[in-house]
Amino acid sequence: MKNFNSIKKNSEFQNVYKNGKSYVNRNLIMYVINNNQKTSRIGISVSKKVGNSVVRHRLTRLLRECYRLNEDRFHKCVDIVVVVRVNAADISYEEMLSSFLHLCKLHNILEKMV
């Protein structure tokens, strides 16, 4: 399994929340800010309100997979924090991917595919 850069520290999450731009759809909230690194990073937040640990970890895995499969399409040097909303508790992978890519397009962080 390929490891990728992720946001882990609370201070990094807080920086993205305070200084980043956010867009919302039915299932997700996405905050994006430019960073001074050579790669993109992602942080995923799923509240206990969404469901028990099995549900929360499933949603985290779905989001990680959405990011992993589209990682090469992102502009470099961005920090992304995705917050899962309560409505997303029982959605499928296809719905999660659609919501994730929709917010990426709103943030204009996807490169054009040739």
PDB file of N, CA and C in Angstrom:
ATOM      1  N   MET A   1       0.838  -1.187   0.000  1.00  0.00           N
ATOM      2  CA  MET A   1       0.000   0.000   0.000  1.00  0.00           C
ATOM      3  C   MET A   1       0.872   1.236   0.000  1.00  0.00           C
ATOM      4  N   LYS A   2       0.604   2.137  -0.911  1.00  0.00           N
ATOM      5  CA  LYS A   2       1.408   3.343  -1.056  1.00  0.00           C
ATOM      6  C   LYS A   2       1.037   4.363   0.014  1.00  0.00           C
ATOM      7  N   ASN A   3       2.043   4.859   0.713  1.00  0.00           N
ATOM      8  CA  ASN A   3       1.797   5.902   1.695  1.00  0.00           C
ATOM      9  C   ASN A   3       1.804   7.257   1.008  1.00  0.00           C
ATOM     10  N   PHE A   4       0.988   8.164   1.508  1.00  0.00           N
ATOM     11  CA  PHE A   4       0.990   9.511   0.980  1.00  0.00           C
ATOM     12  C   PHE A   4       1.012  10.494   2.135  1.00  0.00           C
ATOM     13  N   ASN A   5       1.380  11.700   1.840  1.00  0.00           N
ATOM     14  CA  ASN A   5       1.485  12.716   2.879  1.00  0.00           C
ATOM     15  C   ASN A   5       0.105  13.064   3.403  1.00  0.00           C
ATOM     16  N   SER A   6       0.012  13.112   4.718  1.00  0.00           N
ATOM     17  CA  SER A   6      -1.258  13.486   5.319  1.00  0.00           C
ATOM     18  C   SER A   6      -1.021  14.518   6.411  1.00  0.00           C
ATOM     19  N   ILE A   7      -2.072  15.235   6.723  1.00  0.00           N
ATOM     20  CA  ILE A   7      -2.036  16.220   7.798  1.00  0.00           C
ATOM     21  C   ILE A   7      -2.390  15.472   9.068  1.00  0.00           C
ATOM     22  N   LYS A   8      -1.516  15.564  10.074  1.00  0.00           N
ATOM     23  CA  LYS A   8      -1.731  14.812  11.299  1.00  0.00           C
ATOM     24  C   LYS A   8      -1.831  15.695  12.539  1.00  0.00           C
ATOM     25  N   LYS A   9      -1.120  16.797  12.570  1.00  0.00           N
ATOM     26  CA  LYS A   9      -1.070  17.627  13.766  1.00  0.00           C
ATOM     27  C   LYS A   9      -2.282  18.550  13.848  1.00  0.00           C
ATOM     28  N   ASN A  10      -2.751  18.737  15.062  1.00  0.00           N
ATOM     29  CA  ASN A  10      -3.895  19.607  15.292  1.00  0.00           C
ATOM     30  C   ASN A  10      -3.605  21.027  14.809  1.00  0.00           C
ATOM     31  N   SER A  11      -2.387  21.510  15.010  1.00  0.00           N
ATOM     32  CA  SER A  11      -2.046  22.871  14.587  1.00  0.00           C
ATOM     33  C   SER A  11      -2.126  23.018  13.070  1.00  0.00           C
ATOM     34  N   GLU A  12      -1.793  21.953  12.342  1.00  0.00           N
ATOM     35  CA  GLU A  12      -1.900  21.998  10.884  1.00  0.00           C
ATOM     36  C   GLU A  12      -3.364  22.035  10.449  1.00  0.00           C
ATOM     37  N   PHE A  13      -4.208  21.234  11.114  1.00  0.00           N
ATOM     38  CA  PHE A  13      -5.642  21.285  10.825  1.00  0.00           C
ATOM     39  C   PHE A  13      -6.193  22.683  11.105  1.00  0.00           C
ATOM     40  N   GLN A  14      -5.828  23.249  12.257  1.00  0.00           N
ATOM     41  CA  GLN A  14      -6.333  24.567  12.635  1.00  0.00           C
ATOM     42  C   GLN A  14      -5.895  25.644  11.651  1.00  0.00           C
ATOM     43  N   ASN A  15      -4.676  25.539  11.146  1.00  0.00           N
ATOM     44  CA  ASN A  15      -4.185  26.490  10.155  1.00  0.00           C
ATOM     45  C   ASN A  15      -5.032  26.437   8.889  1.00  0.00           C
ATOM     46  N   VAL A  16      -5.372  25.241   8.427  1.00  0.00           N
ATOM     47  CA  VAL A  16      -6.181  25.097   7.218  1.00  0.00           C
ATOM     48  C   VAL A  16      -7.594  25.611   7.477  1.00  0.00           C
ATOM     49  N   TYR A  17      -8.158  25.301   8.656  1.00  0.00           N
ATOM     50  CA  TYR A  17      -9.500  25.785   8.982  1.00  0.00           C
ATOM     51  C   TYR A  17      -9.557  27.315   9.002  1.00  0.00           C
ATOM     52  N   LYS A  18      -8.564  27.956   9.625  1.00  0.00           N
ATOM     53  CA  LYS A  18      -8.587  29.404   9.801  1.00  0.00           C
ATOM     54  C   LYS A  18      -8.236  30.157   8.532  1.00  0.00           C
ATOM     55  N   ASN A  19      -7.255  29.673   7.782  1.00  0.00           N
ATOM     56  CA  ASN A  19      -6.742  30.432   6.643  1.00  0.00           C
ATOM     57  C   ASN A  19      -7.158  29.892   5.278  1.00  0.00           C
ATOM     58  N   GLY A  20      -7.750  28.715   5.252  1.00  0.00           N
ATOM     59  CA  GLY A  20      -8.118  28.098   3.983  1.00  0.00           C
ATOM     60  C   GLY A  20      -9.479  28.548   3.487  1.00  0.00           C
ATOM     61  N   LYS A  21      -9.752  28.238   2.243  1.00  0.00           N
ATOM     62  CA  LYS A  21     -11.050  28.528   1.632  1.00  0.00           C
ATOM     63  C   LYS A  21     -11.882  27.262   1.687  1.00  0.00           C
ATOM     64  N   SER A  22     -13.181  27.401   1.944  1.00  0.00           N
ATOM     65  CA  SER A  22     -14.014  26.213   2.080  1.00  0.00           C
ATOM     66  C   SER A  22     -15.185  26.235   1.109  1.00  0.00           C
ATOM     67  N   TYR A  23     -15.550  25.039   0.673  1.00  0.00           N
ATOM     68  CA  TYR A  23     -16.763  24.813  -0.111  1.00  0.00           C
ATOM     69  C   TYR A  23     -17.475  23.613   0.493  1.00  0.00           C
ATOM     70  N   VAL A  24     -18.784  23.591   0.324  1.00  0.00           N
ATOM     71  CA  VAL A  24     -19.611  22.568   0.958  1.00  0.00           C
ATOM     72  C   VAL A  24     -20.527  21.947  -0.075  1.00  0.00           C
ATOM     73  N   ASN A  25     -20.766  20.646   0.056  1.00  0.00           N
ATOM     74  CA  ASN A  25     -21.874  20.026  -0.649  1.00  0.00           C
ATOM     75  C   ASN A  25     -22.634  19.159   0.351  1.00  0.00           C
ATOM     76  N   ARG A  26     -23.510  18.330  -0.114  1.00  0.00           N
ATOM     77  CA  ARG A  26     -24.384  17.580   0.782  1.00  0.00           C
ATOM     78  C   ARG A  26     -23.630  16.643   1.717  1.00  0.00           C
ATOM     79  N   ASN A  27     -22.539  16.072   1.257  1.00  0.00           N
ATOM     80  CA  ASN A  27     -21.839  15.048   2.022  1.00  0.00           C
ATOM     81  C   ASN A  27     -20.536  15.497   2.664  1.00  0.00           C
ATOM     82  N   LEU A  28     -19.884  16.515   2.107  1.00  0.00           N
ATOM     83  CA  LEU A  28     -18.544  16.878   2.558  1.00  0.00           C
ATOM     84  C   LEU A  28     -18.375  18.383   2.690  1.00  0.00           C
ATOM     85  N   ILE A  29     -17.401  18.766   3.512  1.00  0.00           N
ATOM     86  CA  ILE A  29     -16.898  20.135   3.572  1.00  0.00           C
ATOM     87  C   ILE A  29     -15.415  20.034   3.259  1.00  0.00           C
ATOM     88  N   MET A  30     -14.926  20.861   2.339  1.00  0.00           N
ATOM     89  CA  MET A  30     -13.518  20.798   1.961  1.00  0.00           C
ATOM     90  C   MET A  30     -12.866  22.162   2.144  1.00  0.00           C
ATOM     91  N   TYR A  31     -11.763  22.161   2.890  1.00  0.00           N
ATOM     92  CA  TYR A  31     -10.940  23.350   3.089  1.00  0.00           C
ATOM     93  C   TYR A  31      -9.644  23.142   2.315  1.00  0.00           C
ATOM     94  N   VAL A  32      -9.206  24.185   1.614  1.00  0.00           N
ATOM     95  CA  VAL A  32      -7.965  24.081   0.838  1.00  0.00           C
ATOM     96  C   VAL A  32      -7.135  25.331   1.068  1.00  0.00           C
ATOM     97  N   ILE A  33      -5.824  25.121   1.237  1.00  0.00           N
ATOM     98  CA  ILE A  33      -4.883  26.221   1.380  1.00  0.00           C
ATOM     99  C   ILE A  33      -3.578  25.815   0.690  1.00  0.00           C
ATOM    100  N   ASN A  34      -2.885  26.769   0.117  1.00  0.00           N
ATOM    101  CA  ASN A  34      -1.578  26.491  -0.486  1.00  0.00           C
ATOM    102  C   ASN A  34      -0.555  26.270   0.624  1.00  0.00           C
ATOM    103  N   ASN A  35       0.361  25.313   0.395  1.00  0.00           N
ATOM    104  CA  ASN A  35       1.444  25.104   1.352  1.00  0.00           C
ATOM    105  C   ASN A  35       2.768  25.341   0.650  1.00  0.00           C
ATOM    106  N   ASN A  36       3.837  25.309   1.412  1.00  0.00           N
ATOM    107  CA  ASN A  36       5.160  25.566   0.844  1.00  0.00           C
ATOM    108  C   ASN A  36       5.949  24.273   0.678  1.00  0.00           C
ATOM    109  N   GLN A  37       5.258  23.179   0.399  1.00  0.00           N
ATOM    110  CA  GLN A  37       5.914  21.907   0.215  1.00  0.00           C
ATOM    111  C   GLN A  37       5.810  21.483  -1.242  1.00  0.00           C
ATOM    112  N   LYS A  38       6.455  20.389  -1.578  1.00  0.00           N
ATOM    113  CA  LYS A  38       6.465  19.940  -2.966  1.00  0.00           C
ATOM    114  C   LYS A  38       5.319  18.999  -3.296  1.00  0.00           C
ATOM    115  N   THR A  39       4.562  18.562  -2.288  1.00  0.00           N
ATOM    116  CA  THR A  39       3.470  17.626  -2.525  1.00  0.00           C
ATOM    117  C   THR A  39       2.191  18.116  -1.860  1.00  0.00           C
ATOM    118  N   SER A  40       1.090  17.561  -2.307  1.00  0.00           N
ATOM    119  CA  SER A  40      -0.199  17.834  -1.676  1.00  0.00           C
ATOM    120  C   SER A  40      -0.337  16.956  -0.442  1.00  0.00           C
ATOM    121  N   ARG A  41      -1.118  17.440   0.527  1.00  0.00           N
ATOM    122  CA  ARG A  41      -1.403  16.651   1.720  1.00  0.00           C
ATOM    123  C   ARG A  41      -2.898  16.677   1.965  1.00  0.00           C
ATOM    124  N   ILE A  42      -3.416  15.630   2.603  1.00  0.00           N
ATOM    125  CA  ILE A  42      -4.830  15.563   2.919  1.00  0.00           C
ATOM    126  C   ILE A  42      -5.013  15.222   4.393  1.00  0.00           C
ATOM    127  N   GLY A  43      -6.033  15.832   4.984  1.00  0.00           N
ATOM    128  CA  GLY A  43      -6.448  15.504   6.342  1.00  0.00           C
ATOM    129  C   GLY A  43      -7.935  15.193   6.302  1.00  0.00           C
ATOM    130  N   ILE A  44      -8.351  14.177   7.032  1.00  0.00           N
ATOM    131  CA  ILE A  44      -9.742  13.748   7.017  1.00  0.00           C
ATOM    132  C   ILE A  44     -10.274  13.803   8.441  1.00  0.00           C
ATOM    133  N   SER A  45     -11.444  14.419   8.593  1.00  0.00           N
ATOM    134  CA  SER A  45     -12.073  14.535   9.898  1.00  0.00           C
ATOM    135  C   SER A  45     -13.486  13.975   9.820  1.00  0.00           C
ATOM    136  N   VAL A  46     -13.781  12.999  10.702  1.00  0.00           N
ATOM    137  CA  VAL A  46     -15.116  12.407  10.765  1.00  0.00           C
ATOM    138  C   VAL A  46     -15.556  12.434  12.220  1.00  0.00           C
ATOM    139  N   SER A  47     -16.606  13.174  12.503  1.00  0.00           N
ATOM    140  CA  SER A  47     -17.100  13.349  13.864  1.00  0.00           C
ATOM    141  C   SER A  47     -17.834  12.108  14.362  1.00  0.00           C
ATOM    142  N   LYS A  48     -17.938  11.977  15.674  1.00  0.00           N
ATOM    143  CA  LYS A  48     -18.699  10.876  16.256  1.00  0.00           C
ATOM    144  C   LYS A  48     -20.190  10.982  15.941  1.00  0.00           C
ATOM    145  N   LYS A  49     -20.643  12.171  15.574  1.00  0.00           N
ATOM    146  CA  LYS A  49     -22.046  12.362  15.200  1.00  0.00           C
ATOM    147  C   LYS A  49     -22.406  11.578  13.942  1.00  0.00           C
ATOM    148  N   VAL A  50     -21.409  11.289  13.111  1.00  0.00           N
ATOM    149  CA  VAL A  50     -21.646  10.589  11.851  1.00  0.00           C
ATOM    150  C   VAL A  50     -22.017   9.136  12.096  1.00  0.00           C
ATOM    151  N   GLY A  51     -21.400   8.507  13.092  1.00  0.00           N
ATOM    152  CA  GLY A  51     -21.704   7.109  13.374  1.00  0.00           C
ATOM    153  C   GLY A  51     -20.661   6.494  14.290  1.00  0.00           C
ATOM    154  N   ASN A  52     -20.768   5.198  14.477  1.00  0.00           N
ATOM    155  CA  ASN A  52     -19.806   4.518  15.337  1.00  0.00           C
ATOM    156  C   ASN A  52     -18.461   4.377  14.617  1.00  0.00           C
ATOM    157  N   SER A  53     -17.503   3.765  15.283  1.00  0.00           N
ATOM    158  CA  SER A  53     -16.149   3.720  14.730  1.00  0.00           C
ATOM    159  C   SER A  53     -16.073   2.956  13.415  1.00  0.00           C
ATOM    160  N   VAL A  54     -16.907   1.942  13.251  1.00  0.00           N
ATOM    161  CA  VAL A  54     -16.905   1.183  12.005  1.00  0.00           C
ATOM    162  C   VAL A  54     -17.320   2.073  10.839  1.00  0.00           C
ATOM    163  N   VAL A  55     -18.366   2.864  11.048  1.00  0.00           N
ATOM    164  CA  VAL A  55     -18.860   3.778  10.012  1.00  0.00           C
ATOM    165  C   VAL A  55     -17.827   4.858   9.721  1.00  0.00           C
ATOM    166  N   ARG A  56     -17.256   5.441  10.775  1.00  0.00           N
ATOM    167  CA  ARG A  56     -16.270   6.516  10.596  1.00  0.00           C
ATOM    168  C   ARG A  56     -15.036   6.028   9.852  1.00  0.00           C
ATOM    169  N   HIS A  57     -14.540   4.848  10.194  1.00  0.00           N
ATOM    170  CA  HIS A  57     -13.353   4.326   9.514  1.00  0.00           C
ATOM    171  C   HIS A  57     -13.652   3.949   8.071  1.00  0.00           C
ATOM    172  N   ARG A  58     -14.847   3.448   7.796  1.00  0.00           N
ATOM    173  CA  ARG A  58     -15.237   3.142   6.420  1.00  0.00           C
ATOM    174  C   ARG A  58     -15.219   4.409   5.571  1.00  0.00           C
ATOM    175  N   LEU A  59     -15.778   5.486   6.104  1.00  0.00           N
ATOM    176  CA  LEU A  59     -15.806   6.747   5.364  1.00  0.00           C
ATOM    177  C   LEU A  59     -14.393   7.297   5.168  1.00  0.00           C
ATOM    178  N   THR A  60     -13.552   7.138   6.161  1.00  0.00           N
ATOM    179  CA  THR A  60     -12.165   7.579   6.033  1.00  0.00           C
ATOM    180  C   THR A  60     -11.451   6.800   4.936  1.00  0.00           C
ATOM    181  N   ARG A  61     -11.669   5.487   4.901  1.00  0.00           N
ATOM    182  CA  ARG A  61     -11.049   4.663   3.858  1.00  0.00           C
ATOM    183  C   ARG A  61     -11.560   5.051   2.472  1.00  0.00           C
ATOM    184  N   LEU A  62     -12.854   5.334   2.354  1.00  0.00           N
ATOM    185  CA  LEU A  62     -13.403   5.756   1.064  1.00  0.00           C
ATOM    186  C   LEU A  62     -12.763   7.057   0.597  1.00  0.00           C
ATOM    187  N   LEU A  63     -12.628   8.012   1.506  1.00  0.00           N
ATOM    188  CA  LEU A  63     -12.020   9.292   1.139  1.00  0.00           C
ATOM    189  C   LEU A  63     -10.546   9.140   0.777  1.00  0.00           C
ATOM    190  N   ARG A  64      -9.826   8.322   1.538  1.00  0.00           N
ATOM    191  CA  ARG A  64      -8.425   8.083   1.213  1.00  0.00           C
ATOM    192  C   ARG A  64      -8.273   7.477  -0.169  1.00  0.00           C
ATOM    193  N   GLU A  65      -9.175   6.567  -0.520  1.00  0.00           N
ATOM    194  CA  GLU A  65      -9.121   5.939  -1.839  1.00  0.00           C
ATOM    195  C   GLU A  65      -9.456   6.949  -2.932  1.00  0.00           C
ATOM    196  N   CYS A  66     -10.434   7.817  -2.682  1.00  0.00           N
ATOM    197  CA  CYS A  66     -10.760   8.875  -3.654  1.00  0.00           C
ATOM    198  C   CYS A  66      -9.536   9.759  -3.894  1.00  0.00           C
ATOM    199  N   TYR A  67      -8.847  10.111  -2.826  1.00  0.00           N
ATOM    200  CA  TYR A  67      -7.653  10.942  -2.951  1.00  0.00           C
ATOM    201  C   TYR A  67      -6.538  10.184  -3.662  1.00  0.00           C
ATOM    202  N   ARG A  68      -6.305   8.935  -3.278  1.00  0.00           N
ATOM    203  CA  ARG A  68      -5.200   8.157  -3.831  1.00  0.00           C
ATOM    204  C   ARG A  68      -5.327   7.972  -5.343  1.00  0.00           C
ATOM    205  N   LEU A  69      -6.539   7.685  -5.796  1.00  0.00           N
ATOM    206  CA  LEU A  69      -6.739   7.434  -7.221  1.00  0.00           C
ATOM    207  C   LEU A  69      -6.641   8.700  -8.065  1.00  0.00           C
ATOM    208  N   ASN A  70      -6.824   9.853  -7.444  1.00  0.00           N
ATOM    209  CA  ASN A  70      -6.771  11.119  -8.178  1.00  0.00           C
ATOM    210  C   ASN A  70      -5.600  11.996  -7.768  1.00  0.00           C
ATOM    211  N   GLU A  71      -4.677  11.448  -7.003  1.00  0.00           N
ATOM    212  CA  GLU A  71      -3.558  12.229  -6.470  1.00  0.00           C
ATOM    213  C   GLU A  71      -2.721  12.874  -7.565  1.00  0.00           C
ATOM    214  N   ASP A  72      -2.523  12.195  -8.675  1.00  0.00           N
ATOM    215  CA  ASP A  72      -1.699  12.733  -9.753  1.00  0.00           C
ATOM    216  C   ASP A  72      -2.390  13.878 -10.493  1.00  0.00           C
ATOM    217  N   ARG A  73      -3.684  14.088 -10.274  1.00  0.00           N
ATOM    218  CA  ARG A  73      -4.420  15.163 -10.938  1.00  0.00           C
ATOM    219  C   ARG A  73      -4.393  16.477 -10.159  1.00  0.00           C
ATOM    220  N   PHE A  74      -3.952  16.448  -8.900  1.00  0.00           N
ATOM    221  CA  PHE A  74      -3.967  17.650  -8.067  1.00  0.00           C
ATOM    222  C   PHE A  74      -2.814  18.573  -8.422  1.00  0.00           C
ATOM    223  N   HIS A  75      -3.088  19.871  -8.314  1.00  0.00           N
ATOM    224  CA  HIS A  75      -2.000  20.833  -8.385  1.00  0.00           C
ATOM    225  C   HIS A  75      -1.103  20.562  -7.183  1.00  0.00           C
ATOM    226  N   LYS A  76       0.168  20.718  -7.354  1.00  0.00           N
ATOM    227  CA  LYS A  76       1.074  20.495  -6.242  1.00  0.00           C
ATOM    228  C   LYS A  76       0.949  21.637  -5.241  1.00  0.00           C
ATOM    229  N   CYS A  77       1.432  21.402  -4.049  1.00  0.00           N
ATOM    230  CA  CYS A  77       1.512  22.430  -3.009  1.00  0.00           C
ATOM    231  C   CYS A  77       0.161  22.869  -2.451  1.00  0.00           C
ATOM    232  N   VAL A  78      -0.744  21.945  -2.167  1.00  0.00           N
ATOM    233  CA  VAL A  78      -1.984  22.296  -1.481  1.00  0.00           C
ATOM    234  C   VAL A  78      -2.199  21.370  -0.287  1.00  0.00           C
ATOM    235  N   ASP A  79      -2.753  21.944   0.774  1.00  0.00           N
ATOM    236  CA  ASP A  79      -3.224  21.167   1.910  1.00  0.00           C
ATOM    237  C   ASP A  79      -4.735  21.098   1.808  1.00  0.00           C
ATOM    238  N   ILE A  80      -5.288  19.901   1.931  1.00  0.00           N
ATOM    239  CA  ILE A  80      -6.723  19.678   1.815  1.00  0.00           C
ATOM    240  C   ILE A  80      -7.207  19.057   3.115  1.00  0.00           C
ATOM    241  N   VAL A  81      -8.244  19.640   3.719  1.00  0.00           N
ATOM    242  CA  VAL A  81      -8.896  19.031   4.867  1.00  0.00           C
ATOM    243  C   VAL A  81     -10.339  18.759   4.468  1.00  0.00           C
ATOM    244  N   VAL A  82     -10.762  17.502   4.614  1.00  0.00           N
ATOM    245  CA  VAL A  82     -12.119  17.103   4.267  1.00  0.00           C
ATOM    246  C   VAL A  82     -12.845  16.717   5.551  1.00  0.00           C
ATOM    247  N   VAL A  83     -13.994  17.354   5.779  1.00  0.00           N
ATOM    248  CA  VAL A  83     -14.834  17.040   6.926  1.00  0.00           C
ATOM    249  C   VAL A  83     -16.068  16.324   6.392  1.00  0.00           C
ATOM    250  N   VAL A  84     -16.346  15.147   6.936  1.00  0.00           N
ATOM    251  CA  VAL A  84     -17.494  14.359   6.495  1.00  0.00           C
ATOM    252  C   VAL A  84     -18.722  14.811   7.271  1.00  0.00           C
ATOM    253  N   ARG A  85     -19.808  15.070   6.547  1.00  0.00           N
ATOM    254  CA  ARG A  85     -21.057  15.489   7.172  1.00  0.00           C
ATOM    255  C   ARG A  85     -21.908  14.267   7.527  1.00  0.00           C
ATOM    256  N   VAL A  86     -22.892  14.473   8.389  1.00  0.00           N
ATOM    257  CA  VAL A  86     -23.738  13.388   8.886  1.00  0.00           C
ATOM    258  C   VAL A  86     -24.485  12.696   7.749  1.00  0.00           C
ATOM    259  N   ASN A  87     -24.864  13.429   6.701  1.00  0.00           N
ATOM    260  CA  ASN A  87     -25.599  12.851   5.571  1.00  0.00           C
ATOM    261  C   ASN A  87     -24.818  11.748   4.860  1.00  0.00           C
ATOM    262  N   ALA A  88     -23.511  11.728   5.036  1.00  0.00           N
ATOM    263  CA  ALA A  88     -22.663  10.787   4.295  1.00  0.00           C
ATOM    264  C   ALA A  88     -22.516   9.432   4.980  1.00  0.00           C
ATOM    265  N   ALA A  89     -23.230   9.200   6.057  1.00  0.00           N
ATOM    266  CA  ALA A  89     -23.021   7.997   6.863  1.00  0.00           C
ATOM    267  C   ALA A  89     -23.179   6.698   6.077  1.00  0.00           C
ATOM    268  N   ASP A  90     -24.077   6.659   5.099  1.00  0.00           N
ATOM    269  CA  ASP A  90     -24.332   5.394   4.408  1.00  0.00           C
ATOM    270  C   ASP A  90     -24.234   5.509   2.890  1.00  0.00           C
ATOM    271  N   ILE A  91     -23.352   6.388   2.416  1.00  0.00           N
ATOM    272  CA  ILE A  91     -23.235   6.541   0.970  1.00  0.00           C
ATOM    273  C   ILE A  91     -22.254   5.534   0.391  1.00  0.00           C
ATOM    274  N   SER A  92     -22.372   5.306  -0.901  1.00  0.00           N
ATOM    275  CA  SER A  92     -21.498   4.362  -1.595  1.00  0.00           C
ATOM    276  C   SER A  92     -20.200   5.058  -2.022  1.00  0.00           C
ATOM    277  N   TYR A  93     -19.272   4.253  -2.520  1.00  0.00           N
ATOM    278  CA  TYR A  93     -18.002   4.802  -3.002  1.00  0.00           C
ATOM    279  C   TYR A  93     -18.227   5.761  -4.168  1.00  0.00           C
ATOM    280  N   GLU A  94     -19.122   5.416  -5.078  1.00  0.00           N
ATOM    281  CA  GLU A  94     -19.371   6.262  -6.242  1.00  0.00           C
ATOM    282  C   GLU A  94     -19.907   7.631  -5.826  1.00  0.00           C
ATOM    283  N   GLU A  95     -20.797   7.653  -4.837  1.00  0.00           N
ATOM    284  CA  GLU A  95     -21.328   8.923  -4.347  1.00  0.00           C
ATOM    285  C   GLU A  95     -20.238   9.736  -3.648  1.00  0.00           C
ATOM    286  N   MET A  96     -19.384   9.059  -2.882  1.00  0.00           N
ATOM    287  CA  MET A  96     -18.288   9.737  -2.199  1.00  0.00           C
ATOM    288  C   MET A  96     -17.320  10.337  -3.219  1.00  0.00           C
ATOM    289  N   LEU A  97     -16.982   9.570  -4.250  1.00  0.00           N
ATOM    290  CA  LEU A  97     -16.084  10.055  -5.291  1.00  0.00           C
ATOM    291  C   LEU A  97     -16.688  11.256  -6.004  1.00  0.00           C
ATOM    292  N   SER A  98     -17.969  11.184  -6.310  1.00  0.00           N
ATOM    293  CA  SER A  98     -18.648  12.286  -6.977  1.00  0.00           C
ATOM    294  C   SER A  98     -18.617  13.550  -6.115  1.00  0.00           C
ATOM    295  N   SER A  99     -18.907  13.419  -4.826  1.00  0.00           N
ATOM    296  CA  SER A  99     -18.885  14.574  -3.915  1.00  0.00           C
ATOM    297  C   SER A  99     -17.481  15.140  -3.787  1.00  0.00           C
ATOM    298  N   PHE A 100     -16.485  14.257  -3.676  1.00  0.00           N
ATOM    299  CA  PHE A 100     -15.097  14.680  -3.522  1.00  0.00           C
ATOM    300  C   PHE A 100     -14.620  15.439  -4.759  1.00  0.00           C
ATOM    301  N   LEU A 101     -14.859  14.886  -5.947  1.00  0.00           N
ATOM    302  CA  LEU A 101     -14.417  15.537  -7.182  1.00  0.00           C
ATOM    303  C   LEU A 101     -15.185  16.832  -7.432  1.00  0.00           C
ATOM    304  N   HIS A 102     -16.448  16.882  -7.040  1.00  0.00           N
ATOM    305  CA  HIS A 102     -17.234  18.108  -7.182  1.00  0.00           C
ATOM    306  C   HIS A 102     -16.589  19.247  -6.395  1.00  0.00           C
ATOM    307  N   LEU A 103     -16.197  18.972  -5.154  1.00  0.00           N
ATOM    308  CA  LEU A 103     -15.556  20.008  -4.347  1.00  0.00           C
ATOM    309  C   LEU A 103     -14.168  20.357  -4.866  1.00  0.00           C
ATOM    310  N   CYS A 104     -13.457  19.377  -5.385  1.00  0.00           N
ATOM    311  CA  CYS A 104     -12.142  19.656  -5.979  1.00  0.00           C
ATOM    312  C   CYS A 104     -12.280  20.599  -7.171  1.00  0.00           C
ATOM    313  N   LYS A 105     -13.318  20.385  -7.969  1.00  0.00           N
ATOM    314  CA  LYS A 105     -13.551  21.264  -9.123  1.00  0.00           C
ATOM    315  C   LYS A 105     -13.931  22.665  -8.677  1.00  0.00           C
ATOM    316  N   LEU A 106     -14.726  22.786  -7.612  1.00  0.00           N
ATOM    317  CA  LEU A 106     -15.083  24.108  -7.096  1.00  0.00           C
ATOM    318  C   LEU A 106     -13.851  24.855  -6.602  1.00  0.00           C
ATOM    319  N   HIS A 107     -12.933  24.139  -5.972  1.00  0.00           N
ATOM    320  CA  HIS A 107     -11.687  24.747  -5.488  1.00  0.00           C
ATOM    321  C   HIS A 107     -10.683  24.964  -6.619  1.00  0.00           C
ATOM    322  N   ASN A 108     -10.957  24.400  -7.776  1.00  0.00           N
ATOM    323  CA  ASN A 108     -10.080  24.518  -8.937  1.00  0.00           C
ATOM    324  C   ASN A 108      -8.678  23.980  -8.633  1.00  0.00           C
ATOM    325  N   ILE A 109      -8.631  22.809  -8.005  1.00  0.00           N
ATOM    326  CA  ILE A 109      -7.331  22.204  -7.674  1.00  0.00           C
ATOM    327  C   ILE A 109      -7.008  21.001  -8.531  1.00  0.00           C
ATOM    328  N   LEU A 110      -7.891  20.661  -9.466  1.00  0.00           N
ATOM    329  CA  LEU A 110      -7.612  19.558 -10.376  1.00  0.00           C
ATOM    330  C   LEU A 110      -7.015  20.101 -11.658  1.00  0.00           C
ATOM    331  N   GLU A 111      -5.953  19.452 -12.128  1.00  0.00           N
ATOM    332  CA  GLU A 111      -5.371  19.831 -13.401  1.00  0.00           C
ATOM    333  C   GLU A 111      -6.233  19.283 -14.519  1.00  0.00           C
ATOM    334  N   LYS A 112      -6.211  19.934 -15.625  1.00  0.00           N
ATOM    335  CA  LYS A 112      -6.975  19.475 -16.789  1.00  0.00           C
ATOM    336  C   LYS A 112      -6.359  18.201 -17.326  1.00  0.00           C
ATOM    337  N   MET A 113      -7.184  17.225 -17.607  1.00  0.00           N
ATOM    338  CA  MET A 113      -6.695  15.969 -18.186  1.00  0.00           C
ATOM    339  C   MET A 113      -6.652  16.121 -19.716  1.00  0.00           C
ATOM    340  N   VAL A 114      -5.589  15.653 -20.303  1.00  0.00           N
ATOM    341  CA  VAL A 114      -5.431  15.774 -21.751  1.00  0.00           C
ATOM    342  C   VAL A 114      -6.023  14.578 -22.436  1.00  0.00           C
TER     343      VAL A 114
END
